Amino acid sequence: MVERKQAPVKIKGTAGRFMRVRQDHAREMAEDYAELVLELEEVGTVRPVDLARGLGVSHVTVLRALERMVRDGFLLRDQDQGILLSETGLRLGEASRARHKLVVTFLECLGVPPEVAAEDAEGLEHHLSQVTLERMADWVEQARDRPSFH
């Protein structure tokens, strides 16, 4: 199952929902970077320029994000090996990748074209609760068991 750590929202009603969205946005950047570093590590050394290209942001934006991620314990910087995920960063990247795949699969099961599903999943994956992710995973599993799925 796709685990998602989420700070409990203590404020009820609309204010609580907005607070959760703000928290999700703050976590979204770290998840995107960790997921991309994980992908890039599989093919070689990860450099800031690779992240800038992959995320469509400036080199300066990447450097600032890298500082925060190193400070927060998600990344390590090495002169020879480039940018590396820490154990915490690896868990974050793997969880983000798994959520992304689940959301893409769910959308494709609904008949959404693969390109659109992949694009839509980029936003959705960061804002779904653990409960919603579990229900989506259950639904996908049931859909796969149907003869019409294949």
Protein backbone atom coordinates (compact mmCIF):
# COMPACT_ATOMS: atom_id res chain seq x y z
CA MET A 1 0.00 0.00 0.00
CA VAL A 2 1.08 3.55 -0.66
CA GLU A 3 1.86 5.14 2.70
CA ARG A 4 1.40 8.84 3.15
CA LYS A 5 2.43 10.67 6.28
CA GLN A 6 0.20 13.59 6.88
CA ALA A 7 0.10 16.05 9.75
CA PRO A 8 -3.32 15.93 11.37
CA VAL A 9 -5.38 19.02 10.69
CA LYS A 10 -6.57 20.37 14.02
CA ILE A 11 -8.75 23.17 12.72
CA LYS A 12 -12.26 22.17 11.69
CA GLY A 13 -14.26 23.34 8.72
CA THR A 14 -13.10 25.42 5.81
CA ALA A 15 -10.05 26.83 7.61
CA GLY A 16 -8.84 23.31 8.35
CA ARG A 17 -9.24 22.25 4.73
CA PHE A 18 -7.30 25.29 3.51
CA MET A 19 -4.57 24.59 6.07
CA ARG A 20 -4.24 21.03 4.75
CA VAL A 21 -3.90 22.31 1.18
CA ARG A 22 -1.13 24.73 2.26
CA GLN A 23 0.67 21.87 4.03
CA ASP A 24 0.30 19.72 0.92
CA HIS A 25 1.81 22.46 -1.25
CA ALA A 26 4.79 22.78 1.08
CA ARG A 27 5.42 19.02 0.93
CA GLU A 28 4.81 18.83 -2.82
CA MET A 29 8.16 20.40 -3.78
CA ALA A 30 10.15 17.93 -1.66
CA GLU A 31 8.18 15.01 -3.10
CA ASP A 32 8.73 16.14 -6.70
CA TYR A 33 12.46 16.63 -6.18
CA ALA A 34 12.87 13.31 -4.35
CA GLU A 35 10.95 11.45 -7.05
CA LEU A 36 13.04 13.02 -9.82
CA VAL A 37 16.36 12.43 -8.01
CA LEU A 38 15.35 8.78 -7.55
CA GLU A 39 14.63 8.48 -11.27
CA LEU A 40 17.87 10.22 -12.28
CA GLU A 41 20.02 8.23 -9.82
CA GLU A 42 18.97 5.07 -11.66
CA VAL A 43 20.78 6.29 -14.80
CA GLY A 44 23.76 8.14 -13.33
CA THR A 45 25.01 11.14 -11.41
CA VAL A 46 22.39 13.76 -10.55
CA ARG A 47 23.37 17.39 -11.10
CA PRO A 48 21.40 20.60 -10.46
CA VAL A 49 21.13 21.20 -14.20
CA ASP A 50 19.41 17.79 -14.59
CA LEU A 51 16.84 18.75 -11.96
CA ALA A 52 16.26 22.16 -13.55
CA ARG A 53 15.59 20.51 -16.91
CA GLY A 54 13.42 17.78 -15.43
CA LEU A 55 11.27 20.16 -13.41
CA GLY A 56 11.24 23.06 -15.86
CA VAL A 57 12.61 25.55 -13.34
CA SER A 58 15.66 27.79 -13.17
CA HIS A 59 19.06 26.71 -11.88
CA VAL A 60 18.71 29.22 -9.00
CA THR A 61 15.34 27.71 -8.02
CA VAL A 62 16.94 24.27 -7.91
CA LEU A 63 19.86 25.46 -5.79
CA ARG A 64 17.51 27.03 -3.23
CA ALA A 65 15.36 23.90 -3.11
CA LEU A 66 18.45 21.71 -2.72
CA GLU A 67 19.58 23.79 0.26
CA ARG A 68 16.21 23.23 1.96
CA MET A 69 16.20 19.53 1.16
CA VAL A 70 19.73 19.04 2.50
CA ARG A 71 18.78 21.02 5.62
CA ASP A 72 15.63 18.90 6.06
CA GLY A 73 17.58 15.65 5.68
CA PHE A 74 16.22 14.47 2.31
CA LEU A 75 19.37 14.93 0.23
CA LEU A 76 23.15 14.68 0.46
CA ARG A 77 25.58 16.63 -1.71
CA ASP A 78 28.84 15.01 -2.78
CA GLN A 79 31.55 16.56 -4.97
CA ASP A 80 32.14 13.31 -6.85
CA GLN A 81 28.73 11.65 -6.76
CA GLY A 82 26.53 14.74 -7.15
CA ILE A 83 23.13 14.86 -5.49
CA LEU A 84 22.07 11.77 -3.55
CA LEU A 85 18.96 10.84 -1.65
CA SER A 86 19.37 10.18 2.07
CA GLU A 87 17.44 7.24 3.54
CA THR A 88 14.62 9.65 4.38
CA GLY A 89 14.73 11.10 0.88
CA LEU A 90 14.71 7.64 -0.66
CA ARG A 91 11.57 6.72 1.29
CA LEU A 92 9.95 10.00 0.23
CA GLY A 93 10.86 9.45 -3.43
CA GLU A 94 9.66 5.85 -3.46
CA ALA A 95 6.37 6.77 -1.76
CA SER A 96 5.83 9.64 -4.19
CA ARG A 97 6.56 7.39 -7.17
CA ALA A 98 4.14 4.73 -5.88
CA ARG A 99 1.37 7.30 -5.32
CA HIS A 100 1.96 8.69 -8.80
CA LYS A 101 1.69 5.23 -10.38
CA LEU A 102 -1.47 4.48 -8.40
CA VAL A 103 -3.17 7.72 -9.46
CA VAL A 104 -2.16 7.22 -13.11
CA THR A 105 -3.48 3.65 -13.07
CA PHE A 106 -6.72 4.74 -11.41
CA LEU A 107 -7.30 7.45 -14.02
CA GLU A 108 -6.49 5.08 -16.86
CA CYS A 109 -9.00 2.57 -15.44
CA LEU A 110 -11.59 5.35 -15.72
CA GLY A 111 -10.74 5.66 -19.42
CA VAL A 112 -8.51 8.73 -19.21
CA PRO A 113 -5.86 8.63 -21.98
CA PRO A 114 -2.36 7.77 -20.63
CA GLU A 115 -0.83 11.18 -21.46
CA VAL A 116 -3.66 13.04 -19.72
CA ALA A 117 -3.62 10.64 -16.76
CA ALA A 118 0.12 11.18 -16.26
CA GLU A 119 -0.28 14.96 -16.40
CA ASP A 120 -3.30 15.04 -14.07
CA ALA A 121 -1.61 12.70 -11.61
CA GLU A 122 1.20 15.25 -11.12
CA GLY A 123 -1.18 17.52 -9.26
CA LEU A 124 -3.51 15.00 -7.69
CA GLU A 125 -0.89 12.75 -6.11
CA HIS A 126 0.16 15.43 -3.61
CA HIS A 127 -3.31 16.27 -2.35
CA LEU A 128 -5.02 12.94 -1.74
CA SER A 129 -5.50 11.67 1.78
CA GLN A 130 -4.35 8.23 2.88
CA VAL A 131 -8.01 7.15 3.01
CA THR A 132 -8.57 8.21 -0.60
CA LEU A 133 -5.36 6.50 -1.76
CA GLU A 134 -6.42 3.26 -0.05
CA ARG A 135 -9.87 3.38 -1.67
CA MET A 136 -8.29 4.05 -5.07
CA ALA A 137 -5.92 1.11 -4.62
CA ASP A 138 -8.85 -1.14 -3.64
CA TRP A 139 -10.87 0.03 -6.63
CA VAL A 140 -7.96 -0.54 -9.05
CA GLU A 141 -7.44 -4.03 -7.63
CA GLN A 142 -11.13 -4.86 -8.10
CA ALA A 143 -11.10 -3.37 -11.60
CA ARG A 144 -8.12 -5.55 -12.54
CA ASP A 145 -10.06 -8.65 -11.48
CA ARG A 146 -12.89 -7.86 -13.93
CA PRO A 147 -12.73 -9.61 -17.32
CA SER A 148 -13.42 -6.30 -19.08
CA PHE A 149 -10.17 -4.85 -17.68
CA HIS A 150 -7.97 -7.04 -19.85
